[in-house]
């Protein structure tokens, strides 16, 4: 049990005894009634896709309800927005209580062998990637003005549908971050094709349309809007997954700049900002030079001004139509 105490895990009491779910080897885990979840729980009060647990770079764990029918609760309080779990928290999915126990090991400790998947490998390689960061605007104001139960359903649906859109575009959500998602596309060794760029732009367009649709379905105090940053370049890519379930993530300046570009859209008063490399890989697209405008911005954490290209969602829609 000493090793178990050092490993982040969920603990579920069942009629057959205690079930332990080690939280190692991946960056996020799905929880629900469906058998395709990482943690499948056979409770008819739990939705098929109920919630997500996301680990952060700082070693914390975020709990995100996916708009479940009967809700997710932490210490009897309903989760309406992503919350950070503390060791010892009681998490309730439907009518099932689960204990969360965070890591107590030091950062230089390794995962105990009995919880390490023997097929798990940590591989790091330099890959050409495109990273998108999509953020929901005015999220803090939304949390203050919307009923908690409605907010939980809304945010859960937004996360769930965002994941579906990004998967259909050939990527996956690498991170769920409060009111934002980050996704990564891998490219060939030295090139990004026109088809690659179109898939990414289409995904961002679809995310915007989905967000607008949710504005019609929920009694929100103002229209829901998103902003997006897209950046292309080389990243260090690590695979911490196993066997048939690889779990890739990317780190480095390409990723950091994508977050900064998304923030720059607010300063520019635009919806989408892309990095210079993304723009250069997009030059084959018809009307790219007339629909995107060039700007020089000061990104937080960067000493030198950065060239970026911005566009509205209306302009992005026109670009996609012109290049069908």
Protein backbone atom coordinates (compact mmCIF):
# COMPACT_ATOMS: atom_id res chain seq x y z
CA UNK A 1 0.00 0.00 0.00
CA UNK A 2 2.99 2.34 0.46
CA UNK A 3 3.57 2.47 -3.27
CA UNK A 4 -0.15 3.01 -3.88
CA UNK A 5 -0.12 6.02 -1.56
CA UNK A 6 2.58 7.59 -3.71
CA UNK A 7 0.67 7.08 -6.95
CA UNK A 8 -2.24 9.34 -7.95
CA UNK A 9 -5.33 7.16 -8.20
CA UNK A 10 -9.08 6.85 -7.87
CA UNK A 11 -10.50 4.46 -5.30
CA UNK A 12 -13.92 2.88 -5.79
CA UNK A 13 -15.64 0.67 -3.21
CA UNK A 14 -17.65 -2.14 -4.81
CA UNK A 15 -19.46 -5.22 -3.58
CA UNK A 16 -16.43 -7.25 -4.69
CA UNK A 17 -13.96 -5.02 -2.88
CA UNK A 18 -11.92 -1.92 -3.62
CA UNK A 19 -11.06 -0.98 -7.20
CA UNK A 20 -8.01 1.18 -7.79
CA UNK A 21 -7.59 3.27 -10.95
CA UNK A 22 -3.95 4.45 -11.18
CA UNK A 23 -3.62 7.84 -12.89
CA UNK A 24 -0.34 7.22 -14.69
CA UNK A 25 0.87 6.82 -18.26
CA UNK A 26 -1.48 9.37 -19.85
CA UNK A 27 -2.37 13.05 -19.64
CA UNK A 28 -6.13 12.59 -19.40
CA UNK A 29 -8.66 9.85 -18.69
CA UNK A 30 -12.32 9.48 -19.65
CA UNK A 31 -14.91 8.31 -17.14
CA UNK A 32 -18.38 6.99 -17.92
CA UNK A 33 -20.73 4.05 -18.31
CA UNK A 34 -19.55 3.22 -21.83
CA UNK A 35 -16.98 0.44 -22.09
CA UNK A 36 -14.75 2.56 -24.33
CA UNK A 37 -13.92 4.85 -21.38
CA UNK A 38 -10.61 4.57 -19.53
CA UNK A 39 -12.59 4.11 -16.32
CA UNK A 40 -15.89 2.38 -17.12
CA UNK A 41 -18.29 2.35 -14.17
CA UNK A 42 -21.46 0.25 -14.40
CA UNK A 43 -23.90 2.67 -12.81
CA UNK A 44 -27.09 3.42 -14.79
CA UNK A 45 -27.07 6.94 -13.28
CA UNK A 46 -23.73 7.66 -14.96
CA UNK A 47 -23.78 9.01 -18.51
CA UNK A 48 -22.07 7.05 -21.27
CA UNK A 49 -19.42 9.80 -21.50
CA UNK A 50 -19.60 11.42 -18.09
CA UNK A 51 -16.39 13.25 -17.19
CA UNK A 52 -12.69 13.74 -17.90
CA UNK A 53 -9.70 13.87 -15.57
CA UNK A 54 -6.84 15.98 -16.96
CA UNK A 55 -3.34 16.05 -15.48
CA UNK A 56 -1.41 19.31 -15.76
CA UNK A 57 2.29 20.03 -16.13
CA UNK A 58 2.36 21.05 -12.45
CA UNK A 59 1.10 17.65 -11.33
CA UNK A 60 -2.43 18.78 -10.52
CA UNK A 61 -5.59 17.04 -11.71
CA UNK A 62 -8.53 18.88 -13.28
CA UNK A 63 -11.99 17.32 -13.19
CA UNK A 64 -14.29 18.25 -16.08
CA UNK A 65 -17.93 17.20 -16.26
CA UNK A 66 -19.06 16.54 -19.84
CA UNK A 67 -22.61 17.78 -19.44
CA UNK A 68 -23.69 14.54 -17.73
CA UNK A 69 -27.36 13.96 -17.03
CA UNK A 70 -27.03 13.45 -13.26
CA UNK A 71 -23.97 15.56 -12.68
CA UNK A 72 -20.53 15.24 -11.11
CA UNK A 73 -19.96 16.33 -7.51
CA UNK A 74 -16.84 17.04 -5.46
CA UNK A 75 -17.43 16.82 -1.71
CA UNK A 76 -21.19 17.09 -2.34
CA UNK A 77 -20.80 20.24 -4.47
CA UNK A 78 -21.78 20.03 -8.13
CA UNK A 79 -19.02 20.63 -10.65
CA UNK A 80 -20.13 23.39 -13.00
CA UNK A 81 -16.69 24.40 -14.30
CA UNK A 82 -13.40 22.46 -14.35
CA UNK A 83 -12.09 22.12 -10.80
CA UNK A 84 -8.70 21.12 -9.36
CA UNK A 85 -8.92 18.05 -7.14
CA UNK A 86 -7.19 17.77 -3.77
CA UNK A 87 -6.03 14.50 -2.30
CA UNK A 88 -8.82 13.01 -0.21
CA UNK A 89 -11.66 14.60 -2.19
CA UNK A 90 -14.84 12.55 -2.58
CA UNK A 91 -15.99 12.60 -6.20
CA UNK A 92 -19.51 11.46 -7.06
CA UNK A 93 -20.42 10.36 -10.60
CA UNK A 94 -24.18 9.82 -10.74
CA UNK A 95 -24.72 7.75 -7.57
CA UNK A 96 -21.21 6.32 -7.42
CA UNK A 97 -18.71 7.72 -4.89
CA UNK A 98 -15.04 7.61 -5.78
CA UNK A 99 -12.09 8.79 -3.69
CA UNK A 100 -9.32 10.83 -5.32
CA UNK A 101 -5.83 10.47 -3.91
CA UNK A 102 -3.12 12.70 -5.32
CA UNK A 103 0.59 11.99 -5.57
CA UNK A 104 2.77 12.36 -2.52
CA UNK A 105 6.02 11.42 -4.24
CA UNK A 106 8.80 13.88 -4.92
CA UNK A 107 9.25 15.10 -8.48
CA UNK A 108 12.34 12.96 -8.98
CA UNK A 109 10.58 9.75 -7.91
CA UNK A 110 9.46 7.27 -10.54
CA UNK A 111 6.14 5.52 -10.93
CA UNK A 112 6.05 2.33 -8.86
CA UNK A 113 6.56 -0.74 -11.11
CA UNK A 114 3.24 -2.36 -10.20
CA UNK A 115 1.39 0.66 -11.61
CA UNK A 116 3.54 1.15 -14.67
CA UNK A 117 2.23 -0.42 -17.86
CA UNK A 118 5.12 -2.56 -19.06
CA UNK A 119 4.29 -1.62 -22.66
CA UNK A 120 4.54 2.08 -21.84
CA UNK A 121 7.42 3.93 -23.42
CA UNK A 122 8.37 7.58 -23.16
CA UNK A 123 9.71 8.59 -26.54
CA UNK A 124 10.79 12.09 -27.46
CA UNK A 125 11.32 13.17 -31.03
CA UNK A 126 11.38 16.41 -32.99
CA UNK A 127 8.30 16.66 -35.19
CA UNK A 128 6.77 19.28 -37.45
CA UNK A 129 3.46 20.17 -35.80
CA UNK A 130 0.58 22.61 -35.93
CA UNK A 131 -0.97 23.57 -32.62
CA UNK A 132 -4.33 25.26 -32.10
CA UNK A 133 -5.55 26.84 -28.90
CA UNK A 134 -9.24 27.73 -28.75
CA UNK A 135 -10.55 29.82 -25.87
CA UNK A 136 -14.12 30.69 -24.87
CA UNK A 137 -14.51 34.46 -24.52
CA UNK A 138 -15.85 36.16 -21.36
CA UNK A 139 -15.89 32.88 -19.50
CA UNK A 140 -15.58 34.49 -16.04
CA UNK A 141 -18.63 36.67 -16.70
CA UNK A 142 -20.52 33.60 -17.87
CA UNK A 143 -19.78 31.70 -14.65
CA UNK A 144 -21.14 34.61 -12.59
CA UNK A 145 -24.36 35.06 -14.53
CA UNK A 146 -25.44 31.52 -15.39
CA UNK A 147 -27.16 28.97 -13.16
CA UNK A 148 -24.65 26.38 -11.95
CA UNK A 149 -26.46 23.37 -13.40
CA UNK A 150 -26.95 25.04 -16.78
CA UNK A 151 -23.31 26.15 -16.80
CA UNK A 152 -22.12 22.61 -16.13
CA UNK A 153 -24.21 21.21 -18.98
CA UNK A 154 -23.08 23.97 -21.35
CA UNK A 155 -19.35 23.66 -20.66
CA UNK A 156 -19.51 19.88 -20.73
CA UNK A 157 -21.23 19.93 -24.11
CA UNK A 158 -18.72 22.44 -25.44
CA UNK A 159 -15.78 20.26 -24.39
CA UNK A 160 -17.40 17.08 -25.72
CA UNK A 161 -18.33 18.54 -29.11
CA UNK A 162 -14.95 20.26 -29.42
CA UNK A 163 -13.30 16.86 -28.96
CA UNK A 164 -15.46 15.32 -31.68
CA UNK A 165 -14.73 18.14 -34.15
CA UNK A 166 -11.00 17.94 -33.56
CA UNK A 167 -10.93 14.13 -33.85
CA UNK A 168 -12.84 14.33 -37.13
CA UNK A 169 -10.17 16.73 -38.38
CA UNK A 170 -7.40 14.22 -37.72
CA UNK A 171 -6.18 15.36 -34.30
CA UNK A 172 -7.30 15.04 -30.68
CA UNK A 173 -7.66 17.36 -27.70
CA UNK A 174 -4.28 17.29 -25.98
CA UNK A 175 -5.38 19.53 -23.11
CA UNK A 176 -8.61 20.75 -21.56
CA UNK A 177 -7.72 23.96 -19.77
CA UNK A 178 -10.61 25.49 -17.86
CA UNK A 179 -12.25 27.42 -20.69
CA UNK A 180 -9.94 26.36 -23.53
CA UNK A 181 -8.73 23.37 -25.52
CA UNK A 182 -5.41 22.67 -27.21
CA UNK A 183 -4.94 20.27 -30.12
CA UNK A 184 -1.94 19.12 -32.16
CA UNK A 185 -1.58 18.00 -35.78
CA UNK A 186 1.49 16.07 -36.94
CA UNK A 187 2.83 16.72 -40.43
CA UNK A 188 5.30 15.08 -42.77
CA UNK A 189 8.99 15.37 -42.03
CA UNK A 190 9.48 18.74 -43.72
CA UNK A 191 6.16 19.85 -45.16
CA UNK A 192 2.65 20.94 -44.37
CA UNK A 193 0.28 20.26 -47.26
CA UNK A 194 -2.59 22.41 -48.46
CA UNK A 195 -4.95 19.66 -47.28
CA UNK A 196 -3.40 19.82 -43.78
CA UNK A 197 -4.00 23.56 -43.56
CA UNK A 198 -7.56 23.24 -44.83
CA UNK A 199 -8.37 20.59 -42.18
CA UNK A 200 -7.10 22.86 -39.41
CA UNK A 201 -8.96 25.92 -40.68
CA UNK A 202 -12.13 23.85 -41.13
CA UNK A 203 -11.84 22.57 -37.57
CA UNK A 204 -11.59 26.13 -36.23
CA UNK A 205 -14.56 27.16 -38.38
CA UNK A 206 -16.59 24.19 -37.08
CA UNK A 207 -15.68 25.00 -33.48
CA UNK A 208 -17.02 28.51 -33.99
CA UNK A 209 -20.25 27.26 -35.56
CA UNK A 210 -20.72 24.74 -32.73
CA UNK A 211 -20.23 27.49 -30.15
CA UNK A 212 -22.80 29.71 -31.87
CA UNK A 213 -25.25 26.80 -31.94
CA UNK A 214 -24.86 26.31 -28.19
CA UNK A 215 -25.76 30.00 -27.78
CA UNK A 216 -29.12 29.16 -29.32
CA UNK A 217 -29.66 26.06 -27.18
CA UNK A 218 -28.88 27.54 -23.75
CA UNK A 219 -30.31 30.60 -21.95
CA UNK A 220 -26.98 32.44 -21.97
CA UNK A 221 -26.78 36.15 -21.02
CA UNK A 222 -24.76 36.96 -24.15
CA UNK A 223 -23.71 35.21 -27.37
CA UNK A 224 -20.94 32.71 -26.83
CA UNK A 225 -17.77 33.45 -28.78
CA UNK A 226 -14.35 31.88 -29.15
CA UNK A 227 -10.91 32.99 -30.24
CA UNK A 228 -8.20 30.79 -31.77
CA UNK A 229 -4.43 30.82 -32.11
CA UNK A 230 -2.72 28.56 -34.66
CA UNK A 231 1.02 28.03 -34.84
CA UNK A 232 3.21 25.73 -36.93
CA UNK A 233 6.77 24.64 -36.24
CA UNK A 234 8.95 21.94 -34.76
CA UNK A 235 8.10 20.62 -31.31
CA UNK A 236 9.52 17.99 -29.01
CA UNK A 237 6.89 15.26 -29.01
CA UNK A 238 6.62 12.67 -26.26
CA UNK A 239 4.58 9.46 -26.30
CA UNK A 240 3.66 8.34 -22.80
CA UNK A 241 0.93 5.98 -23.96
CA UNK A 242 1.05 2.26 -24.38
CA UNK A 243 0.30 -0.41 -26.95
CA UNK A 244 -2.80 0.50 -28.93
CA UNK A 245 -3.33 3.67 -26.90
CA UNK A 246 -0.53 6.14 -27.65
CA UNK A 247 -0.77 9.40 -25.74
CA UNK A 248 1.24 12.10 -27.45
CA UNK A 249 1.93 15.58 -26.24
CA UNK A 250 4.16 18.34 -27.58
CA UNK A 251 6.27 20.90 -25.77
CA UNK A 252 8.39 23.83 -26.85
CA UNK A 253 8.17 27.28 -28.35
CA UNK A 254 5.67 26.28 -31.06
CA UNK A 255 3.15 25.32 -28.36
CA UNK A 256 3.84 28.35 -26.17
CA UNK A 257 3.42 30.75 -29.09
CA UNK A 258 0.03 29.22 -30.01
CA UNK A 259 -1.27 30.23 -26.56
CA UNK A 260 0.18 33.73 -26.96
CA UNK A 261 -1.32 34.10 -30.43
CA UNK A 262 -4.76 33.22 -29.09
CA UNK A 263 -4.35 35.95 -26.47
CA UNK A 264 -3.26 38.39 -29.19
CA UNK A 265 -6.62 38.03 -30.97
CA UNK A 266 -8.22 40.05 -28.15
CA UNK A 267 -5.69 42.84 -28.61
CA UNK A 268 -6.19 42.81 -32.39
CA UNK A 269 -9.99 42.66 -32.17
CA UNK A 270 -10.01 39.58 -34.43
CA UNK A 271 -11.11 35.97 -34.09
CA UNK A 272 -8.11 33.99 -35.34
CA UNK A 273 -4.37 34.71 -35.28
CA UNK A 274 -1.84 32.45 -37.00
CA UNK A 275 1.93 32.34 -36.80
CA UNK A 276 4.19 33.31 -39.67
CA UNK A 277 5.10 29.68 -40.44
CA UNK A 278 1.41 28.69 -40.61
CA UNK A 279 0.83 31.56 -43.04
CA UNK A 280 3.78 30.54 -45.24
CA UNK A 281 2.41 26.99 -45.45
CA UNK A 282 -0.97 28.48 -46.47
CA UNK A 283 0.22 30.58 -49.41
CA UNK A 284 -1.22 28.13 -51.97
CA UNK A 285 -4.73 28.90 -50.73
CA UNK A 286 -6.70 31.22 -52.97
CA UNK A 287 -7.20 34.75 -51.54
CA UNK A 288 -5.04 34.03 -48.48
CA UNK A 289 -3.20 37.33 -48.98
CA UNK A 290 -6.34 39.44 -49.20
CA UNK A 291 -8.37 37.81 -46.41
CA UNK A 292 -5.58 37.62 -43.82
CA UNK A 293 -3.99 40.86 -42.59
CA UNK A 294 -0.43 41.12 -41.29
CA UNK A 295 0.29 42.54 -37.83
CA UNK A 296 3.26 42.92 -35.53
CA UNK A 297 2.45 42.07 -31.94
CA UNK A 298 4.35 41.86 -28.66
CA UNK A 299 3.69 38.39 -27.32
CA UNK A 300 4.06 37.91 -23.59
CA UNK A 301 7.40 36.28 -22.77
CA UNK A 302 8.99 37.18 -26.12
CA UNK A 303 11.62 39.93 -26.28
CA UNK A 304 11.23 40.66 -29.98
CA UNK A 305 7.98 41.70 -31.73
CA UNK A 306 6.28 38.82 -33.55
CA UNK A 307 4.72 38.86 -37.02
CA UNK A 308 1.24 37.35 -37.06
CA UNK A 309 -1.67 37.19 -39.49
CA UNK A 310 -5.24 37.74 -38.32
CA UNK A 311 -8.72 37.13 -39.68
CA UNK A 312 -12.36 37.19 -38.58
CA UNK A 313 -14.54 34.09 -38.66
CA UNK A 314 -16.46 35.68 -41.51
CA UNK A 315 -13.22 36.01 -43.46
CA UNK A 316 -12.21 32.45 -42.59
CA UNK A 317 -15.54 31.15 -43.89
CA UNK A 318 -15.00 33.03 -47.15
CA UNK A 319 -11.47 31.60 -47.45
CA UNK A 320 -12.76 28.04 -47.03
CA UNK A 321 -15.55 28.53 -49.55
CA UNK A 322 -13.12 30.01 -52.09
CA UNK A 323 -10.83 26.99 -51.74
CA UNK A 324 -13.38 24.15 -51.84
